[in-house]
């Protein structure tokens, strides 16, 4: 199966073509191919069977994100599936509990702070970290449909009806709470 992992960062996947727009040092057994996902992808039409993009789309403006999704659609084979994950705006706009396990873990692990603050975590996620477009499920589903995908739907974190995505995400006390997962198919 030919699969592409777009905006892989350090989360390279075995058996996938791992691409990113940063010049990261190569990890043993995980070469990272340079690719700017906001420009025309250097791959043929109908080439990939699956496309994964984890926590990347929130780092690019909405219109460039749509272009990237159109490139994903173009390069997927008919019947190919895309899985996009990103922070879930719906989760963050309702997060107020300082004692929520996500807030406690995020403050301890990411911010190196033992005093949990939901307001600080929400502000950091929606307005900092290079995030420029943090969508709701409805917004991301609409973008994928505009890009040409069908059967677009929100799916559960860590689960998929497609074997290449099932169990792909890491459960670390943070990502499973904050992450929106959407999948779509190219007809």
C-alpha atoms as a PDB file:
ATOM      1  CA  UNK A   1       0.000   0.000   0.000  1.00  0.00           C
ATOM      2  CA  UNK A   2       1.322   3.448  -0.926  1.00  0.00           C
ATOM      3  CA  UNK A   3       0.605   5.860   1.937  1.00  0.00           C
ATOM      4  CA  UNK A   4       1.684   9.455   2.637  1.00  0.00           C
ATOM      5  CA  UNK A   5       2.047  11.097   6.059  1.00  0.00           C
ATOM      6  CA  UNK A   6       1.817  14.866   5.447  1.00  0.00           C
ATOM      7  CA  UNK A   7       3.354  17.249   7.974  1.00  0.00           C
ATOM      8  CA  UNK A   8       4.839  14.318   9.850  1.00  0.00           C
ATOM      9  CA  UNK A   9       7.130  16.298  12.142  1.00  0.00           C
ATOM     10  CA  UNK A  10       8.807  13.690  14.327  1.00  0.00           C
ATOM     11  CA  UNK A  11       5.770  11.392  14.081  1.00  0.00           C
ATOM     12  CA  UNK A  12       7.123   9.308  11.229  1.00  0.00           C
ATOM     13  CA  UNK A  13       5.155   6.186  10.404  1.00  0.00           C
ATOM     14  CA  UNK A  14       6.697   2.905   9.346  1.00  0.00           C
ATOM     15  CA  UNK A  15       5.590   1.979   5.829  1.00  0.00           C
ATOM     16  CA  UNK A  16       4.540   5.542   4.986  1.00  0.00           C
ATOM     17  CA  UNK A  17       6.158   8.251   2.872  1.00  0.00           C
ATOM     18  CA  UNK A  18       6.819  10.806   5.631  1.00  0.00           C
ATOM     19  CA  UNK A  19       6.859  14.411   4.366  1.00  0.00           C
ATOM     20  CA  UNK A  20       7.304  17.731   6.163  1.00  0.00           C
ATOM     21  CA  UNK A  21       8.225  21.312   5.259  1.00  0.00           C
ATOM     22  CA  UNK A  22      10.902  21.648   7.915  1.00  0.00           C
ATOM     23  CA  UNK A  23      14.499  20.567   7.625  1.00  0.00           C
ATOM     24  CA  UNK A  24      14.495  18.124  10.529  1.00  0.00           C
ATOM     25  CA  UNK A  25      17.443  15.904  11.275  1.00  0.00           C
ATOM     26  CA  UNK A  26      16.789  12.444   9.908  1.00  0.00           C
ATOM     27  CA  UNK A  27      15.972   9.708  12.361  1.00  0.00           C
ATOM     28  CA  UNK A  28      17.354   6.245  11.790  1.00  0.00           C
ATOM     29  CA  UNK A  29      15.000   4.253   9.549  1.00  0.00           C
ATOM     30  CA  UNK A  30      12.653   7.245   9.143  1.00  0.00           C
ATOM     31  CA  UNK A  31      13.705   9.488   6.294  1.00  0.00           C
ATOM     32  CA  UNK A  32      11.663  12.680   6.039  1.00  0.00           C
ATOM     33  CA  UNK A  33      11.112  14.013   2.526  1.00  0.00           C
ATOM     34  CA  UNK A  34      10.874  17.784   2.222  1.00  0.00           C
ATOM     35  CA  UNK A  35       7.483  18.932   0.910  1.00  0.00           C
ATOM     36  CA  UNK A  36       5.513  22.139   1.371  1.00  0.00           C
ATOM     37  CA  UNK A  37       1.923  20.905   1.595  1.00  0.00           C
ATOM     38  CA  UNK A  38       0.586  24.373   0.709  1.00  0.00           C
ATOM     39  CA  UNK A  39       2.027  24.225  -2.822  1.00  0.00           C
ATOM     40  CA  UNK A  40       1.448  21.721  -5.618  1.00  0.00           C
ATOM     41  CA  UNK A  41       2.584  18.321  -4.373  1.00  0.00           C
ATOM     42  CA  UNK A  42       5.354  16.695  -6.425  1.00  0.00           C
ATOM     43  CA  UNK A  43       3.363  13.492  -6.856  1.00  0.00           C
ATOM     44  CA  UNK A  44       1.265  12.098  -9.675  1.00  0.00           C
ATOM     45  CA  UNK A  45      -2.523  11.955  -9.730  1.00  0.00           C
ATOM     46  CA  UNK A  46      -4.052   8.801  -8.227  1.00  0.00           C
ATOM     47  CA  UNK A  47      -0.803   7.697  -6.571  1.00  0.00           C
ATOM     48  CA  UNK A  48      -1.620   7.062  -2.891  1.00  0.00           C
ATOM     49  CA  UNK A  49      -4.090   4.755  -1.225  1.00  0.00           C
ATOM     50  CA  UNK A  50      -4.075   6.651   2.069  1.00  0.00           C
ATOM     51  CA  UNK A  51      -3.122  10.101   3.354  1.00  0.00           C
ATOM     52  CA  UNK A  52      -2.598  10.980   7.003  1.00  0.00           C
ATOM     53  CA  UNK A  53      -2.065  14.471   8.376  1.00  0.00           C
ATOM     54  CA  UNK A  54      -1.820  14.787  12.150  1.00  0.00           C
ATOM     55  CA  UNK A  55      -1.876  18.174  13.842  1.00  0.00           C
ATOM     56  CA  UNK A  56      -0.686  20.061  10.768  1.00  0.00           C
ATOM     57  CA  UNK A  57      -3.694  21.769   9.192  1.00  0.00           C
ATOM     58  CA  UNK A  58      -4.123  24.140  12.146  1.00  0.00           C
ATOM     59  CA  UNK A  59      -0.715  25.643  11.305  1.00  0.00           C
ATOM     60  CA  UNK A  60      -1.751  26.939   7.883  1.00  0.00           C
ATOM     61  CA  UNK A  61      -4.367  29.521   6.861  1.00  0.00           C
ATOM     62  CA  UNK A  62      -7.795  28.154   5.959  1.00  0.00           C
ATOM     63  CA  UNK A  63      -7.453  28.748   2.183  1.00  0.00           C
ATOM     64  CA  UNK A  64      -4.002  27.133   2.032  1.00  0.00           C
ATOM     65  CA  UNK A  65      -5.402  24.249   4.043  1.00  0.00           C
ATOM     66  CA  UNK A  66      -8.141  23.836   1.444  1.00  0.00           C
ATOM     67  CA  UNK A  67      -5.503  23.805  -1.313  1.00  0.00           C
ATOM     68  CA  UNK A  68      -3.586  21.131   0.589  1.00  0.00           C
ATOM     69  CA  UNK A  69      -6.737  19.026   0.937  1.00  0.00           C
ATOM     70  CA  UNK A  70      -7.353  19.392  -2.820  1.00  0.00           C
ATOM     71  CA  UNK A  71      -3.807  18.141  -3.445  1.00  0.00           C
ATOM     72  CA  UNK A  72      -4.456  15.203  -1.121  1.00  0.00           C
ATOM     73  CA  UNK A  73      -7.606  14.434  -3.097  1.00  0.00           C
ATOM     74  CA  UNK A  74      -5.762  14.726  -6.429  1.00  0.00           C
ATOM     75  CA  UNK A  75      -2.951  12.396  -5.382  1.00  0.00           C
ATOM     76  CA  UNK A  76      -5.194   9.757  -3.812  1.00  0.00           C
ATOM     77  CA  UNK A  77      -6.312   6.820  -5.930  1.00  0.00           C
ATOM     78  CA  UNK A  78     -10.055   6.353  -6.413  1.00  0.00           C
ATOM     79  CA  UNK A  79     -11.245   4.733  -3.184  1.00  0.00           C
ATOM     80  CA  UNK A  80      -8.325   6.266  -1.292  1.00  0.00           C
ATOM     81  CA  UNK A  81      -8.933   7.670   2.175  1.00  0.00           C
ATOM     82  CA  UNK A  82      -7.629  10.750   3.979  1.00  0.00           C
ATOM     83  CA  UNK A  83      -7.497  11.161   7.765  1.00  0.00           C
ATOM     84  CA  UNK A  84      -6.981  14.671   9.143  1.00  0.00           C
ATOM     85  CA  UNK A  85      -6.457  15.350  12.838  1.00  0.00           C
ATOM     86  CA  UNK A  86      -6.103  18.680  14.627  1.00  0.00           C
ATOM     87  CA  UNK A  87      -7.101  20.405  17.861  1.00  0.00           C
ATOM     88  CA  UNK A  88     -10.887  20.471  18.210  1.00  0.00           C
ATOM     89  CA  UNK A  89     -12.207  24.030  18.570  1.00  0.00           C
ATOM     90  CA  UNK A  90     -15.463  22.651  20.025  1.00  0.00           C
ATOM     91  CA  UNK A  91     -13.501  21.021  22.858  1.00  0.00           C
ATOM     92  CA  UNK A  92     -11.489  24.143  23.635  1.00  0.00           C
ATOM     93  CA  UNK A  93     -14.383  26.610  23.540  1.00  0.00           C
ATOM     94  CA  UNK A  94     -16.149  24.626  26.277  1.00  0.00           C
ATOM     95  CA  UNK A  95     -13.088  23.766  28.405  1.00  0.00           C
ATOM     96  CA  UNK A  96     -13.300  25.584  31.754  1.00  0.00           C
ATOM     97  CA  UNK A  97     -12.514  22.920  34.376  1.00  0.00           C
ATOM     98  CA  UNK A  98      -9.014  23.395  35.830  1.00  0.00           C
ATOM     99  CA  UNK A  99      -9.194  19.821  37.143  1.00  0.00           C
ATOM    100  CA  UNK A 100     -10.050  18.200  33.795  1.00  0.00           C
ATOM    101  CA  UNK A 101      -7.461  15.424  33.217  1.00  0.00           C
ATOM    102  CA  UNK A 102      -6.461  17.072  29.921  1.00  0.00           C
ATOM    103  CA  UNK A 103      -5.737  20.409  31.633  1.00  0.00           C
ATOM    104  CA  UNK A 104      -3.801  18.775  34.458  1.00  0.00           C
ATOM    105  CA  UNK A 105      -1.701  16.656  32.067  1.00  0.00           C
ATOM    106  CA  UNK A 106      -1.162  19.480  29.584  1.00  0.00           C
ATOM    107  CA  UNK A 107       0.021  21.918  32.243  1.00  0.00           C
ATOM    108  CA  UNK A 108       2.316  19.322  33.814  1.00  0.00           C
ATOM    109  CA  UNK A 109       3.786  17.807  30.633  1.00  0.00           C
ATOM    110  CA  UNK A 110       3.672  20.575  28.031  1.00  0.00           C
ATOM    111  CA  UNK A 111       3.897  23.730  30.123  1.00  0.00           C
ATOM    112  CA  UNK A 112       6.055  22.285  32.927  1.00  0.00           C
ATOM    113  CA  UNK A 113       3.656  23.844  35.399  1.00  0.00           C
ATOM    114  CA  UNK A 114       1.907  21.968  38.185  1.00  0.00           C
ATOM    115  CA  UNK A 115      -0.838  24.603  38.575  1.00  0.00           C
ATOM    116  CA  UNK A 116      -3.569  23.673  36.091  1.00  0.00           C
ATOM    117  CA  UNK A 117      -5.253  26.548  34.236  1.00  0.00           C
ATOM    118  CA  UNK A 118      -7.932  25.760  31.668  1.00  0.00           C
ATOM    119  CA  UNK A 119      -8.019  29.384  30.501  1.00  0.00           C
ATOM    120  CA  UNK A 120      -4.274  29.411  29.794  1.00  0.00           C
ATOM    121  CA  UNK A 121      -4.407  26.087  27.921  1.00  0.00           C
ATOM    122  CA  UNK A 122      -7.358  27.277  25.798  1.00  0.00           C
ATOM    123  CA  UNK A 123      -5.624  30.564  24.958  1.00  0.00           C
ATOM    124  CA  UNK A 124      -2.371  28.789  24.108  1.00  0.00           C
ATOM    125  CA  UNK A 125      -4.112  26.322  21.797  1.00  0.00           C
ATOM    126  CA  UNK A 126      -6.424  28.739  20.000  1.00  0.00           C
ATOM    127  CA  UNK A 127      -4.068  31.727  19.744  1.00  0.00           C
ATOM    128  CA  UNK A 128      -0.464  30.526  19.995  1.00  0.00           C
ATOM    129  CA  UNK A 129       1.787  27.608  19.002  1.00  0.00           C
ATOM    130  CA  UNK A 130       1.662  28.733  15.374  1.00  0.00           C
ATOM    131  CA  UNK A 131      -2.023  27.819  15.183  1.00  0.00           C
ATOM    132  CA  UNK A 132      -3.834  29.965  12.624  1.00  0.00           C
ATOM    133  CA  UNK A 133      -6.956  27.881  11.868  1.00  0.00           C
ATOM    134  CA  UNK A 134      -8.346  25.622  14.601  1.00  0.00           C
ATOM    135  CA  UNK A 135     -11.597  24.232  13.152  1.00  0.00           C
ATOM    136  CA  UNK A 136     -14.722  22.715  14.590  1.00  0.00           C
ATOM    137  CA  UNK A 137     -15.812  19.329  13.239  1.00  0.00           C
ATOM    138  CA  UNK A 138     -18.351  21.064  11.009  1.00  0.00           C
ATOM    139  CA  UNK A 139     -15.671  23.402   9.582  1.00  0.00           C
ATOM    140  CA  UNK A 140     -13.197  20.599   8.816  1.00  0.00           C
ATOM    141  CA  UNK A 141     -15.876  18.373   7.295  1.00  0.00           C
ATOM    142  CA  UNK A 142     -16.937  21.272   5.042  1.00  0.00           C
ATOM    143  CA  UNK A 143     -13.318  21.864   3.940  1.00  0.00           C
ATOM    144  CA  UNK A 144     -12.872  18.209   3.037  1.00  0.00           C
ATOM    145  CA  UNK A 145     -16.118  18.223   1.054  1.00  0.00           C
ATOM    146  CA  UNK A 146     -15.013  21.395  -0.775  1.00  0.00           C
ATOM    147  CA  UNK A 147     -11.782  19.564  -1.651  1.00  0.00           C
ATOM    148  CA  UNK A 148     -13.822  16.798  -3.307  1.00  0.00           C
ATOM    149  CA  UNK A 149     -13.963  14.127  -0.603  1.00  0.00           C
ATOM    150  CA  UNK A 150     -17.114  12.081  -0.068  1.00  0.00           C
ATOM    151  CA  UNK A 151     -18.349  10.097   2.920  1.00  0.00           C
ATOM    152  CA  UNK A 152     -16.649  12.729   5.102  1.00  0.00           C
ATOM    153  CA  UNK A 153     -17.246  12.173   8.793  1.00  0.00           C
ATOM    154  CA  UNK A 154     -15.900  12.763  12.250  1.00  0.00           C
ATOM    155  CA  UNK A 155     -14.386   9.570  13.623  1.00  0.00           C
ATOM    156  CA  UNK A 156     -13.185   8.489  17.027  1.00  0.00           C
ATOM    157  CA  UNK A 157      -9.607   9.114  18.102  1.00  0.00           C
ATOM    158  CA  UNK A 158      -7.500   5.965  17.661  1.00  0.00           C
ATOM    159  CA  UNK A 159     -10.210   4.154  15.715  1.00  0.00           C
ATOM    160  CA  UNK A 160     -11.062   3.770  12.054  1.00  0.00           C
ATOM    161  CA  UNK A 161     -12.856   1.364   9.776  1.00  0.00           C
ATOM    162  CA  UNK A 162      -9.726   1.581   7.602  1.00  0.00           C
ATOM    163  CA  UNK A 163      -6.980  -0.734   8.860  1.00  0.00           C
ATOM    164  CA  UNK A 164      -4.147   1.663   7.967  1.00  0.00           C
ATOM    165  CA  UNK A 165      -5.568   4.269  10.388  1.00  0.00           C
ATOM    166  CA  UNK A 166      -7.032   2.032  13.099  1.00  0.00           C
ATOM    167  CA  UNK A 167      -4.959   2.473  16.260  1.00  0.00           C
ATOM    168  CA  UNK A 168      -2.574   4.953  14.629  1.00  0.00           C
ATOM    169  CA  UNK A 169      -2.806   7.712  17.243  1.00  0.00           C
ATOM    170  CA  UNK A 170      -0.922   7.712  20.529  1.00  0.00           C
ATOM    171  CA  UNK A 171      -2.782   7.829  23.844  1.00  0.00           C
ATOM    172  CA  UNK A 172      -0.690  10.102  26.072  1.00  0.00           C
ATOM    173  CA  UNK A 173      -3.178  11.826  28.389  1.00  0.00           C
ATOM    174  CA  UNK A 174      -3.340  14.857  26.102  1.00  0.00           C
ATOM    175  CA  UNK A 175      -3.993  14.096  22.436  1.00  0.00           C
ATOM    176  CA  UNK A 176      -6.955  11.787  23.005  1.00  0.00           C
ATOM    177  CA  UNK A 177      -8.881  14.658  24.630  1.00  0.00           C
ATOM    178  CA  UNK A 178      -8.027  17.559  22.330  1.00  0.00           C
ATOM    179  CA  UNK A 179      -7.979  15.904  18.914  1.00  0.00           C
ATOM    180  CA  UNK A 180     -10.604  16.111  16.209  1.00  0.00           C
ATOM    181  CA  UNK A 181     -10.361  13.267  13.657  1.00  0.00           C
ATOM    182  CA  UNK A 182     -12.085  13.456  10.273  1.00  0.00           C
ATOM    183  CA  UNK A 183     -11.913  10.987   7.397  1.00  0.00           C
ATOM    184  CA  UNK A 184     -13.026  11.268   3.796  1.00  0.00           C
ATOM    185  CA  UNK A 185     -12.879   9.134   0.655  1.00  0.00           C
ATOM    186  CA  UNK A 186     -12.039   9.922  -2.948  1.00  0.00           C
ATOM    187  CA  UNK A 187     -14.563   8.390  -5.325  1.00  0.00           C
END
